[in-house]
Structure formats: C-alpha cells, structure tokens
Amino acid sequence: MANSIKVTLVKSGIGKSKRIKDTLKGLGLTKLNKTVVLNNSAPVRGMINKVLFLVRIEEE
C-alpha cells in the first residue's frame, strides 16, 4: 500500500446530507476539482468510502 492518497472532489456536495458535507470538509475538500494528499490510514479510508461517489482517488 502507498503511504499517501491523492483525493480529488469531482462532484459537488450540494443537496447531499449534512453528514456527507461534514465528511468532505473533514477531508479538506471544500471546492470542486480541489485535490488533497492524505495519509493512507484506516480512518481516512473510511471517510473516503462514505463519499466515494463524489471523489476520484489516486494512490501515490
């Protein structure tokens, strides 16, 4: 497994539940097409799985 994951927001969180919006904010994804590099850990993977339909993932 890679040490870091590159996550890009490709679909907006508008109209989604507060829980989904809070998860995106927790991942640092605040604007469309924003990319963040996160540590590959179990909590981060769990958050990504909750918003998988809104993001694109690349392992580094």
PDB file of N, CA and C in Angstrom:
ATOM      1  N   MET A   1       0.822  -1.186   0.000  1.00  0.00           N
ATOM      2  CA  MET A   1       0.000   0.000   0.000  1.00  0.00           C
ATOM      3  C   MET A   1       0.866   1.250   0.000  1.00  0.00           C
ATOM      4  N   ALA A   2       0.389   2.273  -0.645  1.00  0.00           N
ATOM      5  CA  ALA A   2       1.112   3.541  -0.675  1.00  0.00           C
ATOM      6  C   ALA A   2       0.934   4.275   0.655  1.00  0.00           C
ATOM      7  N   ASN A   3       1.867   5.172   0.943  1.00  0.00           N
ATOM      8  CA  ASN A   3       1.801   5.937   2.185  1.00  0.00           C
ATOM      9  C   ASN A   3       0.822   7.092   2.115  1.00  0.00           C
ATOM     10  N   SER A   4       0.525   7.556   0.911  1.00  0.00           N
ATOM     11  CA  SER A   4      -0.396   8.677   0.779  1.00  0.00           C
ATOM     12  C   SER A   4      -1.388   8.431  -0.353  1.00  0.00           C
ATOM     13  N   ILE A   5      -2.510   9.132  -0.249  1.00  0.00           N
ATOM     14  CA  ILE A   5      -3.590   9.011  -1.227  1.00  0.00           C
ATOM     15  C   ILE A   5      -3.924  10.410  -1.725  1.00  0.00           C
ATOM     16  N   LYS A   6      -4.074  10.550  -3.036  1.00  0.00           N
ATOM     17  CA  LYS A   6      -4.480  11.821  -3.623  1.00  0.00           C
ATOM     18  C   LYS A   6      -5.971  11.727  -3.917  1.00  0.00           C
ATOM     19  N   VAL A   7      -6.751  12.622  -3.311  1.00  0.00           N
ATOM     20  CA  VAL A   7      -8.209  12.605  -3.448  1.00  0.00           C
ATOM     21  C   VAL A   7      -8.650  13.915  -4.097  1.00  0.00           C
ATOM     22  N   THR A   8      -9.489  13.811  -5.137  1.00  0.00           N
ATOM     23  CA  THR A   8      -9.985  14.980  -5.853  1.00  0.00           C
ATOM     24  C   THR A   8     -11.506  14.980  -5.829  1.00  0.00           C
ATOM     25  N   LEU A   9     -12.084  16.124  -5.480  1.00  0.00           N
ATOM     26  CA  LEU A   9     -13.539  16.269  -5.486  1.00  0.00           C
ATOM     27  C   LEU A   9     -13.993  16.506  -6.916  1.00  0.00           C
ATOM     28  N   VAL A  10     -14.787  15.585  -7.481  1.00  0.00           N
ATOM     29  CA  VAL A  10     -15.214  15.698  -8.879  1.00  0.00           C
ATOM     30  C   VAL A  10     -16.711  15.953  -9.020  1.00  0.00           C
ATOM     31  N   LYS A  11     -17.450  15.843  -7.932  1.00  0.00           N
ATOM     32  CA  LYS A  11     -18.881  16.100  -7.963  1.00  0.00           C
ATOM     33  C   LYS A  11     -19.245  16.881  -6.704  1.00  0.00           C
ATOM     34  N   SER A  12     -20.128  17.831  -6.837  1.00  0.00           N
ATOM     35  CA  SER A  12     -20.459  18.740  -5.745  1.00  0.00           C
ATOM     36  C   SER A  12     -21.224  18.053  -4.613  1.00  0.00           C
ATOM     37  N   GLY A  13     -21.057  18.587  -3.414  1.00  0.00           N
ATOM     38  CA  GLY A  13     -21.780  18.099  -2.244  1.00  0.00           C
ATOM     39  C   GLY A  13     -23.103  18.817  -2.029  1.00  0.00           C
ATOM     40  N   ILE A  14     -23.449  19.734  -2.919  1.00  0.00           N
ATOM     41  CA  ILE A  14     -24.703  20.481  -2.786  1.00  0.00           C
ATOM     42  C   ILE A  14     -25.883  19.517  -2.897  1.00  0.00           C
ATOM     43  N   GLY A  15     -26.829  19.645  -1.981  1.00  0.00           N
ATOM     44  CA  GLY A  15     -28.007  18.787  -1.987  1.00  0.00           C
ATOM     45  C   GLY A  15     -27.809  17.472  -1.250  1.00  0.00           C
ATOM     46  N   LYS A  16     -26.607  17.234  -0.759  1.00  0.00           N
ATOM     47  CA  LYS A  16     -26.321  15.998  -0.007  1.00  0.00           C
ATOM     48  C   LYS A  16     -26.574  16.252   1.473  1.00  0.00           C
ATOM     49  N   SER A  17     -26.600  15.189   2.243  1.00  0.00           N
ATOM     50  CA  SER A  17     -26.875  15.313   3.667  1.00  0.00           C
ATOM     51  C   SER A  17     -25.745  16.036   4.396  1.00  0.00           C
ATOM     52  N   LYS A  18     -26.041  16.540   5.576  1.00  0.00           N
ATOM     53  CA  LYS A  18     -25.043  17.242   6.379  1.00  0.00           C
ATOM     54  C   LYS A  18     -23.870  16.325   6.705  1.00  0.00           C
ATOM     55  N   ARG A  19     -24.153  15.059   6.896  1.00  0.00           N
ATOM     56  CA  ARG A  19     -23.105  14.092   7.215  1.00  0.00           C
ATOM     57  C   ARG A  19     -22.090  13.971   6.067  1.00  0.00           C
ATOM     58  N   ILE A  20     -22.580  13.952   4.832  1.00  0.00           N
ATOM     59  CA  ILE A  20     -21.701  13.886   3.668  1.00  0.00           C
ATOM     60  C   ILE A  20     -20.890  15.178   3.555  1.00  0.00           C
ATOM     61  N   LYS A  21     -21.548  16.327   3.738  1.00  0.00           N
ATOM     62  CA  LYS A  21     -20.851  17.609   3.661  1.00  0.00           C
ATOM     63  C   LYS A  21     -19.765  17.712   4.731  1.00  0.00           C
ATOM     64  N   ASP A  22     -20.063  17.264   5.935  1.00  0.00           N
ATOM     65  CA  ASP A  22     -19.082  17.290   7.016  1.00  0.00           C
ATOM     66  C   ASP A  22     -17.904  16.370   6.733  1.00  0.00           C
ATOM     67  N   THR A  23     -18.159  15.238   6.098  1.00  0.00           N
ATOM     68  CA  THR A  23     -17.081  14.317   5.735  1.00  0.00           C
ATOM     69  C   THR A  23     -16.171  14.951   4.694  1.00  0.00           C
ATOM     70  N   LEU A  24     -16.747  15.605   3.700  1.00  0.00           N
ATOM     71  CA  LEU A  24     -15.942  16.299   2.689  1.00  0.00           C
ATOM     72  C   LEU A  24     -15.093  17.385   3.332  1.00  0.00           C
ATOM     73  N   LYS A  25     -15.686  18.136   4.241  1.00  0.00           N
ATOM     74  CA  LYS A  25     -14.951  19.195   4.926  1.00  0.00           C
ATOM     75  C   LYS A  25     -13.817  18.608   5.768  1.00  0.00           C
ATOM     76  N   GLY A  26     -14.076  17.473   6.416  1.00  0.00           N
ATOM     77  CA  GLY A  26     -13.063  16.805   7.213  1.00  0.00           C
ATOM     78  C   GLY A  26     -11.894  16.301   6.384  1.00  0.00           C
ATOM     79  N   LEU A  27     -12.168  15.941   5.131  1.00  0.00           N
ATOM     80  CA  LEU A  27     -11.104  15.512   4.219  1.00  0.00           C
ATOM     81  C   LEU A  27     -10.369  16.699   3.600  1.00  0.00           C
ATOM     82  N   GLY A  28     -10.890  17.912   3.801  1.00  0.00           N
ATOM     83  CA  GLY A  28     -10.264  19.099   3.231  1.00  0.00           C
ATOM     84  C   GLY A  28     -10.721  19.416   1.834  1.00  0.00           C
ATOM     85  N   LEU A  29     -11.819  18.791   1.407  1.00  0.00           N
ATOM     86  CA  LEU A  29     -12.351  19.005   0.062  1.00  0.00           C
ATOM     87  C   LEU A  29     -13.464  20.041   0.121  1.00  0.00           C
ATOM     88  N   THR A  30     -13.117  21.293  -0.136  1.00  0.00           N
ATOM     89  CA  THR A  30     -14.077  22.379   0.018  1.00  0.00           C
ATOM     90  C   THR A  30     -14.594  22.914  -1.317  1.00  0.00           C
ATOM     91  N   LYS A  31     -13.816  22.752  -2.387  1.00  0.00           N
ATOM     92  CA  LYS A  31     -14.224  23.263  -3.691  1.00  0.00           C
ATOM     93  C   LYS A  31     -14.104  22.174  -4.739  1.00  0.00           C
ATOM     94  N   LEU A  32     -14.884  22.300  -5.780  1.00  0.00           N
ATOM     95  CA  LEU A  32     -14.859  21.345  -6.876  1.00  0.00           C
ATOM     96  C   LEU A  32     -13.479  21.322  -7.530  1.00  0.00           C
ATOM     97  N   ASN A  33     -13.023  20.148  -7.879  1.00  0.00           N
ATOM     98  CA  ASN A  33     -11.719  19.912  -8.504  1.00  0.00           C
ATOM     99  C   ASN A  33     -10.534  20.186  -7.582  1.00  0.00           C
ATOM    100  N   LYS A  34     -10.777  20.344  -6.295  1.00  0.00           N
ATOM    101  CA  LYS A  34      -9.677  20.510  -5.350  1.00  0.00           C
ATOM    102  C   LYS A  34      -9.073  19.142  -5.064  1.00  0.00           C
ATOM    103  N   THR A  35      -7.754  19.092  -5.005  1.00  0.00           N
ATOM    104  CA  THR A  35      -7.042  17.851  -4.735  1.00  0.00           C
ATOM    105  C   THR A  35      -6.277  17.985  -3.433  1.00  0.00           C
ATOM    106  N   VAL A  36      -6.380  16.973  -2.574  1.00  0.00           N
ATOM    107  CA  VAL A  36      -5.622  16.945  -1.328  1.00  0.00           C
ATOM    108  C   VAL A  36      -4.866  15.630  -1.248  1.00  0.00           C
ATOM    109  N   VAL A  37      -3.724  15.665  -0.591  1.00  0.00           N
ATOM    110  CA  VAL A  37      -2.930  14.462  -0.363  1.00  0.00           C
ATOM    111  C   VAL A  37      -3.080  14.107   1.102  1.00  0.00           C
ATOM    112  N   LEU A  38      -3.558  12.886   1.371  1.00  0.00           N
ATOM    113  CA  LEU A  38      -3.837  12.442   2.739  1.00  0.00           C
ATOM    114  C   LEU A  38      -3.037  11.194   3.060  1.00  0.00           C
ATOM    115  N   ASN A  39      -2.806  10.976   4.350  1.00  0.00           N
ATOM    116  CA  ASN A  39      -2.146   9.747   4.785  1.00  0.00           C
ATOM    117  C   ASN A  39      -3.065   8.557   4.552  1.00  0.00           C
ATOM    118  N   ASN A  40      -2.484   7.444   4.188  1.00  0.00           N
ATOM    119  CA  ASN A  40      -3.261   6.227   3.957  1.00  0.00           C
ATOM    120  C   ASN A  40      -3.448   5.510   5.285  1.00  0.00           C
ATOM    121  N   SER A  41      -4.529   5.862   5.996  1.00  0.00           N
ATOM    122  CA  SER A  41      -4.823   5.237   7.281  1.00  0.00           C
ATOM    123  C   SER A  41      -6.276   4.760   7.279  1.00  0.00           C
ATOM    124  N   ALA A  42      -6.599   3.927   8.237  1.00  0.00           N
ATOM    125  CA  ALA A  42      -7.953   3.366   8.308  1.00  0.00           C
ATOM    126  C   ALA A  42      -9.031   4.441   8.456  1.00  0.00           C
ATOM    127  N   PRO A  43      -8.869   5.445   9.336  1.00  0.00           N
ATOM    128  CA  PRO A  43      -9.913   6.476   9.437  1.00  0.00           C
ATOM    129  C   PRO A  43     -10.124   7.265   8.136  1.00  0.00           C
ATOM    130  N   VAL A  44      -9.033   7.585   7.461  1.00  0.00           N
ATOM    131  CA  VAL A  44      -9.135   8.324   6.201  1.00  0.00           C
ATOM    132  C   VAL A  44      -9.807   7.457   5.143  1.00  0.00           C
ATOM    133  N   ARG A  45      -9.445   6.187   5.069  1.00  0.00           N
ATOM    134  CA  ARG A  45     -10.081   5.264   4.117  1.00  0.00           C
ATOM    135  C   ARG A  45     -11.579   5.168   4.369  1.00  0.00           C
ATOM    136  N   GLY A  46     -11.981   5.135   5.636  1.00  0.00           N
ATOM    137  CA  GLY A  46     -13.398   5.072   5.981  1.00  0.00           C
ATOM    138  C   GLY A  46     -14.151   6.312   5.530  1.00  0.00           C
ATOM    139  N   MET A  47     -13.521   7.485   5.702  1.00  0.00           N
ATOM    140  CA  MET A  47     -14.153   8.732   5.271  1.00  0.00           C
ATOM    141  C   MET A  47     -14.281   8.757   3.745  1.00  0.00           C
ATOM    142  N   ILE A  48     -13.245   8.291   3.057  1.00  0.00           N
ATOM    143  CA  ILE A  48     -13.287   8.256   1.592  1.00  0.00           C
ATOM    144  C   ILE A  48     -14.383   7.309   1.105  1.00  0.00           C
ATOM    145  N   ASN A  49     -14.547   6.176   1.766  1.00  0.00           N
ATOM    146  CA  ASN A  49     -15.593   5.226   1.374  1.00  0.00           C
ATOM    147  C   ASN A  49     -16.989   5.830   1.493  1.00  0.00           C
ATOM    148  N   LYS A  50     -17.194   6.740   2.445  1.00  0.00           N
ATOM    149  CA  LYS A  50     -18.502   7.379   2.614  1.00  0.00           C
ATOM    150  C   LYS A  50     -18.831   8.340   1.480  1.00  0.00           C
ATOM    151  N   VAL A  51     -17.799   8.912   0.859  1.00  0.00           N
ATOM    152  CA  VAL A  51     -18.029   9.900  -0.202  1.00  0.00           C
ATOM    153  C   VAL A  51     -17.448   9.439  -1.540  1.00  0.00           C
ATOM    154  N   LEU A  52     -17.326   8.143  -1.709  1.00  0.00           N
ATOM    155  CA  LEU A  52     -16.697   7.570  -2.885  1.00  0.00           C
ATOM    156  C   LEU A  52     -17.366   7.993  -4.192  1.00  0.00           C
ATOM    157  N   PHE A  53     -18.663   8.256  -4.156  1.00  0.00           N
ATOM    158  CA  PHE A  53     -19.403   8.628  -5.359  1.00  0.00           C
ATOM    159  C   PHE A  53     -19.173  10.084  -5.753  1.00  0.00           C
ATOM    160  N   LEU A  54     -18.438  10.853  -4.931  1.00  0.00           N
ATOM    161  CA  LEU A  54     -18.162  12.252  -5.221  1.00  0.00           C
ATOM    162  C   LEU A  54     -16.691  12.538  -5.527  1.00  0.00           C
ATOM    163  N   VAL A  55     -15.832  11.555  -5.298  1.00  0.00           N
ATOM    164  CA  VAL A  55     -14.391  11.800  -5.398  1.00  0.00           C
ATOM    165  C   VAL A  55     -13.698  10.839  -6.366  1.00  0.00           C
ATOM    166  N   ARG A  56     -12.488  11.227  -6.765  1.00  0.00           N
ATOM    167  CA  ARG A  56     -11.611  10.363  -7.550  1.00  0.00           C
ATOM    168  C   ARG A  56     -10.347  10.137  -6.722  1.00  0.00           C
ATOM    169  N   ILE A  57      -9.864   8.907  -6.691  1.00  0.00           N
ATOM    170  CA  ILE A  57      -8.734   8.542  -5.840  1.00  0.00           C
ATOM    171  C   ILE A  57      -7.568   8.082  -6.691  1.00  0.00           C
ATOM    172  N   GLU A  58      -6.370   8.548  -6.306  1.00  0.00           N
ATOM    173  CA  GLU A  58      -5.130   8.074  -6.915  1.00  0.00           C
ATOM    174  C   GLU A  58      -4.163   7.757  -5.785  1.00  0.00           C
ATOM    175  N   GLU A  59      -3.539   6.602  -5.842  1.00  0.00           N
ATOM    176  CA  GLU A  59      -2.538   6.263  -4.826  1.00  0.00           C
ATOM    177  C   GLU A  59      -1.188   6.709  -5.305  1.00  0.00           C
ATOM    178  N   GLU A  60      -0.395   7.217  -4.367  1.00  0.00           N
ATOM    179  CA  GLU A  60       0.953   7.673  -4.713  1.00  0.00           C
ATOM    180  C   GLU A  60       1.984   6.699  -4.226  1.00  0.00           C
TER     181      GLU A  60
END
